[in-house]
C-alpha atoms as a PDB file:
ATOM      1  CA  MET A   1      -7.173 -39.297  38.274  1.00  0.00           C
ATOM      2  CA  LEU A   2      -6.892 -38.384  41.815  1.00  0.00           C
ATOM      3  CA  THR A   3      -3.108 -36.915  41.596  1.00  0.00           C
ATOM      4  CA  ARG A   4      -4.304 -35.080  38.525  1.00  0.00           C
ATOM      5  CA  LEU A   5      -7.088 -32.979  40.521  1.00  0.00           C
ATOM      6  CA  PHE A   6      -4.959 -32.642  43.415  1.00  0.00           C
ATOM      7  CA  GLU A   7      -2.113 -30.605  41.409  1.00  0.00           C
ATOM      8  CA  ASP A   8      -4.564 -29.087  39.967  1.00  0.00           C
ATOM      9  CA  VAL A   9      -6.259 -27.494  42.672  1.00  0.00           C
ATOM     10  CA  LYS A  10      -2.574 -26.787  44.471  1.00  0.00           C
ATOM     11  CA  LYS A  11      -1.700 -24.822  40.848  1.00  0.00           C
ATOM     12  CA  THR A  12      -5.300 -22.560  41.185  1.00  0.00           C
ATOM     13  CA  PRO A  13      -3.817 -20.260  43.486  1.00  0.00           C
ATOM     14  CA  GLU A  14      -0.889 -19.176  41.284  1.00  0.00           C
ATOM     15  CA  ARG A  15      -3.333 -19.294  38.309  1.00  0.00           C
ATOM     16  CA  ILE A  16      -5.437 -16.373  40.086  1.00  0.00           C
ATOM     17  CA  ARG A  17      -2.234 -14.454  41.229  1.00  0.00           C
ATOM     18  CA  SER A  18      -1.202 -14.575  37.470  1.00  0.00           C
ATOM     19  CA  ALA A  19      -4.639 -14.030  35.990  1.00  0.00           C
ATOM     20  CA  PRO A  20      -4.226 -10.039  35.539  1.00  0.00           C
ATOM     21  CA  THR A  21      -1.135 -10.623  33.828  1.00  0.00           C
ATOM     22  CA  ARG A  22      -2.380 -13.204  31.217  1.00  0.00           C
ATOM     23  CA  ILE A  23      -5.686 -10.566  30.896  1.00  0.00           C
ATOM     24  CA  ASN A  24      -3.262  -7.542  30.251  1.00  0.00           C
ATOM     25  CA  ARG A  25      -1.177  -9.129  27.836  1.00  0.00           C
ATOM     26  CA  ARG A  26      -4.422 -10.745  25.898  1.00  0.00           C
ATOM     27  CA  ARG A  27      -5.211  -7.185  25.870  1.00  0.00           C
ATOM     28  CA  LEU A  28      -1.782  -5.759  24.563  1.00  0.00           C
ATOM     29  CA  ASN A  29      -2.191  -8.429  21.908  1.00  0.00           C
ATOM     30  CA  ALA A  30      -5.774  -7.763  20.819  1.00  0.00           C
ATOM     31  CA  THR A  31      -5.181  -4.015  20.687  1.00  0.00           C
ATOM     32  CA  HIS A  32      -1.570  -4.390  18.855  1.00  0.00           C
ATOM     33  CA  TRP A  33      -3.471  -6.568  15.903  1.00  0.00           C
ATOM     34  CA  ALA A  34      -6.310  -4.114  15.975  1.00  0.00           C
ATOM     35  CA  ARG A  35      -4.010  -0.918  15.446  1.00  0.00           C
ATOM     36  CA  GLN A  36      -2.072  -3.191  12.830  1.00  0.00           C
ATOM     37  CA  ARG A  37      -5.096  -3.881  10.773  1.00  0.00           C
ATOM     38  CA  VAL A  38      -6.421  -0.372  10.903  1.00  0.00           C
ATOM     39  CA  HIS A  39      -2.782   0.992   9.950  1.00  0.00           C
ATOM     40  CA  THR A  40      -2.924  -1.534   7.059  1.00  0.00           C
ATOM     41  CA  ALA A  41      -6.612  -0.808   6.214  1.00  0.00           C
ATOM     42  CA  ARG A  42      -5.718   2.846   6.007  1.00  0.00           C
ATOM     43  CA  GLY A  43      -2.755   2.040   2.921  1.00  0.00           C
ATOM     44  CA  GLU A  44      -4.751  -0.194   0.808  1.00  0.00           C
ATOM     45  CA  SER A  45      -7.933   1.969   0.932  1.00  0.00           C
ATOM     46  CA  GLN A  46      -5.303   5.373  -0.239  1.00  0.00           C
ATOM     47  CA  GLU A  47      -4.126   2.889  -2.880  1.00  0.00           C
ATOM     48  CA  ARG A  48      -7.526   1.754  -3.545  1.00  0.00           C
ATOM     49  CA  LEU A  49      -8.888   5.217  -4.169  1.00  0.00           C
ATOM     50  CA  TRP A  50      -5.370   6.081  -6.003  1.00  0.00           C
ATOM     51  CA  THR A  51      -5.911   3.749  -8.508  1.00  0.00           C
ATOM     52  CA  TRP A  52      -9.526   4.175  -9.011  1.00  0.00           C
ATOM     53  CA  ARG A  53      -8.806   7.962  -9.865  1.00  0.00           C
ATOM     54  CA  ALA A  54      -5.793   6.851 -12.305  1.00  0.00           C
ATOM     55  CA  ASP A  55      -8.460   4.585 -14.329  1.00  0.00           C
ATOM     56  CA  ALA A  56     -10.949   6.799 -14.217  1.00  0.00           C
ATOM     57  CA  LEU A  57      -8.769   9.765 -15.698  1.00  0.00           C
ATOM     58  CA  LEU A  58      -7.610   6.948 -18.540  1.00  0.00           C
ATOM     59  CA  ARG A  59     -10.942   5.886 -19.165  1.00  0.00           C
ATOM     60  CA  VAL A  60     -12.465   9.814 -19.531  1.00  0.00           C
ATOM     61  CA  ASP A  61      -8.544  10.519 -21.952  1.00  0.00           C
ATOM     62  CA  THR A  62      -9.737   7.267 -23.932  1.00  0.00           C
ATOM     63  CA  LEU A  63     -13.263   8.134 -24.489  1.00  0.00           C
ATOM     64  CA  LEU A  64     -12.494  11.347 -25.097  1.00  0.00           C
ATOM     65  CA  ASP A  65      -9.764  10.390 -27.566  1.00  0.00           C
ATOM     66  CA  ARG A  66     -12.698   8.693 -29.501  1.00  0.00           C
ATOM     67  CA  THR A  67     -14.963  11.505 -29.553  1.00  0.00           C
ATOM     68  CA  VAL A  68     -11.780  13.263 -31.656  1.00  0.00           C
ATOM     69  CA  GLU A  69     -12.837  11.385 -34.499  1.00  0.00           C
ATOM     70  CA  LEU A  70     -16.048  12.884 -34.817  1.00  0.00           C
ATOM     71  CA  TRP A  71     -15.677  16.503 -36.341  1.00  0.00           C
ATOM     72  CA  VAL A  72     -17.635  18.734 -34.773  1.00  0.00           C
ATOM     73  CA  ILE A  73     -17.254  17.286 -31.253  1.00  0.00           C
ATOM     74  CA  GLY A  74     -13.957  16.809 -31.663  1.00  0.00           C
ATOM     75  CA  ARG A  75     -13.223  20.364 -32.088  1.00  0.00           C
ATOM     76  CA  LEU A  76     -15.183  20.882 -28.295  1.00  0.00           C
ATOM     77  CA  THR A  77     -13.442  17.824 -26.695  1.00  0.00           C
ATOM     78  CA  SER A  78      -9.934  18.356 -27.847  1.00  0.00           C
ATOM     79  CA  PRO A  79      -8.882  20.782 -25.039  1.00  0.00           C
ATOM     80  CA  ALA A  80     -10.482  18.747 -22.642  1.00  0.00           C
ATOM     81  CA  ALA A  81      -9.177  15.433 -23.742  1.00  0.00           C
ATOM     82  CA  ASP A  82      -5.537  17.625 -23.580  1.00  0.00           C
ATOM     83  CA  TYR A  83      -6.504  18.798 -20.010  1.00  0.00           C
ATOM     84  CA  VAL A  84      -7.176  15.138 -19.100  1.00  0.00           C
ATOM     85  CA  GLN A  85      -4.050  13.504 -20.472  1.00  0.00           C
ATOM     86  CA  SER A  86      -2.219  15.747 -18.448  1.00  0.00           C
ATOM     87  CA  ALA A  87      -4.103  15.515 -15.535  1.00  0.00           C
ATOM     88  CA  TYR A  88      -3.084  11.664 -15.847  1.00  0.00           C
ATOM     89  CA  ASP A  89       0.408  12.283 -16.964  1.00  0.00           C
ATOM     90  CA  ASP A  90       0.887  14.883 -13.732  1.00  0.00           C
ATOM     91  CA  PHE A  91      -1.367  11.949 -11.414  1.00  0.00           C
ATOM     92  CA  THR A  92       0.953   9.044 -12.172  1.00  0.00           C
ATOM     93  CA  ALA A  93       4.572  10.699 -12.783  1.00  0.00           C
ATOM     94  CA  VAL A  94       7.026   8.620 -11.064  1.00  0.00           C
ATOM     95  CA  PRO A  95       8.428  10.413  -7.794  1.00  0.00           C
ATOM     96  CA  ILE A  96      12.042   9.462  -8.903  1.00  0.00           C
ATOM     97  CA  ASP A  97      14.200  11.904 -10.786  1.00  0.00           C
ATOM     98  CA  ASP A  98      15.835   9.894 -14.000  1.00  0.00           C
ATOM     99  CA  TYR A  99      13.627   6.735 -13.337  1.00  0.00           C
ATOM    100  CA  GLY A 100      14.435   5.104 -16.655  1.00  0.00           C
ATOM    101  CA  ALA A 101      18.198   6.026 -16.193  1.00  0.00           C
ATOM    102  CA  LEU A 102      18.587   4.201 -13.405  1.00  0.00           C
ATOM    103  CA  SER A 103      19.731   0.823 -12.241  1.00  0.00           C
ATOM    104  CA  VAL A 104      17.669  -1.471 -10.125  1.00  0.00           C
ATOM    105  CA  LYS A 105      19.999  -1.488  -7.586  1.00  0.00           C
ATOM    106  CA  LYS A 106      19.710   2.448  -7.690  1.00  0.00           C
ATOM    107  CA  LEU A 107      16.247   2.913  -7.758  1.00  0.00           C
ATOM    108  CA  ALA A 108      16.134   0.471  -4.767  1.00  0.00           C
ATOM    109  CA  VAL A 109      17.838   2.962  -2.757  1.00  0.00           C
ATOM    110  CA  GLN A 110      15.424   5.279  -3.659  1.00  0.00           C
ATOM    111  CA  LEU A 111      12.355   3.497  -3.145  1.00  0.00           C
ATOM    112  CA  ARG A 112      13.231   3.156   0.556  1.00  0.00           C
ATOM    113  CA  GLU A 113      12.803   7.184   1.294  1.00  0.00           C
ATOM    114  CA  LEU A 114       9.062   6.647  -0.725  1.00  0.00           C
ATOM    115  CA  PRO A 115       5.460   6.875   1.147  1.00  0.00           C
ATOM    116  CA  ARG A 116       3.073   4.091  -0.138  1.00  0.00           C
ATOM    117  CA  LEU A 117       1.238   5.727  -3.125  1.00  0.00           C
ATOM    118  CA  ASP A 118       4.313   6.844  -4.592  1.00  0.00           C
ATOM    119  CA  LEU A 119       5.284   3.251  -4.222  1.00  0.00           C
ATOM    120  CA  VAL A 120       2.133   2.311  -6.048  1.00  0.00           C
ATOM    121  CA  ARG A 121       3.073   4.505  -8.710  1.00  0.00           C
ATOM    122  CA  VAL A 122       6.611   3.100  -9.645  1.00  0.00           C
ATOM    123  CA  ARG A 123       4.724  -0.365  -9.521  1.00  0.00           C
ATOM    124  CA  ARG A 124       2.537   0.960 -12.257  1.00  0.00           C
ATOM    125  CA  VAL A 125       5.167   2.181 -14.274  1.00  0.00           C
ATOM    126  CA  GLU A 126       7.414  -0.693 -13.661  1.00  0.00           C
ATOM    127  CA  LEU A 127       4.242  -2.903 -14.821  1.00  0.00           C
ATOM    128  CA  ALA A 128       3.697  -1.106 -17.908  1.00  0.00           C
ATOM    129  CA  GLY A 129       7.397  -0.501 -18.787  1.00  0.00           C
ATOM    130  CA  LYS A 130      10.586  -3.320 -18.220  1.00  0.00           C
ATOM    131  CA  ALA A 131       8.501  -5.439 -15.639  1.00  0.00           C
ATOM    132  CA  ARG A 132      12.021  -6.002 -13.333  1.00  0.00           C
ATOM    133  CA  LYS A 133      11.669  -8.985 -11.364  1.00  0.00           C
ATOM    134  CA  THR A 134      14.089  -7.404  -8.878  1.00  0.00           C
ATOM    135  CA  LEU A 135      12.608  -4.227  -8.572  1.00  0.00           C
ATOM    136  CA  LEU A 136       9.223  -5.169  -8.329  1.00  0.00           C
ATOM    137  CA  SER A 137       9.834  -7.192  -5.585  1.00  0.00           C
ATOM    138  CA  ALA A 138      12.134  -4.418  -4.058  1.00  0.00           C
ATOM    139  CA  ILE A 139       8.922  -2.530  -4.039  1.00  0.00           C
ATOM    140  CA  GLU A 140       6.518  -5.103  -2.753  1.00  0.00           C
ATOM    141  CA  ARG A 141       9.162  -5.471   0.397  1.00  0.00           C
ATOM    142  CA  GLU A 142       8.653  -1.674   0.931  1.00  0.00           C
ATOM    143  CA  ILE A 143       5.020  -1.541   0.527  1.00  0.00           C
ATOM    144  CA  ASP A 144       4.888  -4.736   2.927  1.00  0.00           C
ATOM    145  CA  LYS A 145       7.247  -2.413   5.415  1.00  0.00           C
ATOM    146  CA  ARG A 146       4.811   0.546   5.045  1.00  0.00           C
ATOM    147  CA  ASP A 147       1.909  -1.830   6.226  1.00  0.00           C
ATOM    148  CA  LEU A 148       3.848  -2.148   9.499  1.00  0.00           C
ATOM    149  CA  LEU A 149       3.276  -0.134  12.483  1.00  0.00           C
ATOM    150  CA  PRO A 150       6.189   2.359  13.183  1.00  0.00           C
ATOM    151  CA  GLU A 151       6.810   0.941  16.225  1.00  0.00           C
ATOM    152  CA  ALA A 152       6.868  -2.744  15.019  1.00  0.00           C
ATOM    153  CA  LEU A 153       9.619  -1.130  12.441  1.00  0.00           C
ATOM    154  CA  ALA A 154      11.831  -0.070  15.512  1.00  0.00           C
ATOM    155  CA  ALA A 155      11.891  -3.089  17.304  1.00  0.00           C
END
């Protein structure tokens, strides 16, 4: 017991000298963690807002489609329904040319260049369509890469 206490007392000056280094390392780790969380939250909130807007446009379109059945209201809302459908189609359009004609391999290559929201669009279209597992996992990997800080990707 005394030997252990004596060893600890001998190590105390070294611990005191290395304390600023340890504190700085912890500060850097905490800063990096906080920046990572903010970066991830920013991407997730953009995705949430995009999804909310797309769902709202789809609900309005569905509502307007129902009013077309009523003759008087249908005549008034038909142009609005066309506009909302057009806005929804533009908002959720896939950012890859010839999406349906490309193979999974070619699509995966093009995914690397897309920003996060475009990846969300592609995922939504793929889930509504063919739902190819290979492509969906490639999309998820790319989204996970976007969640990393740029300097973490460079390392």
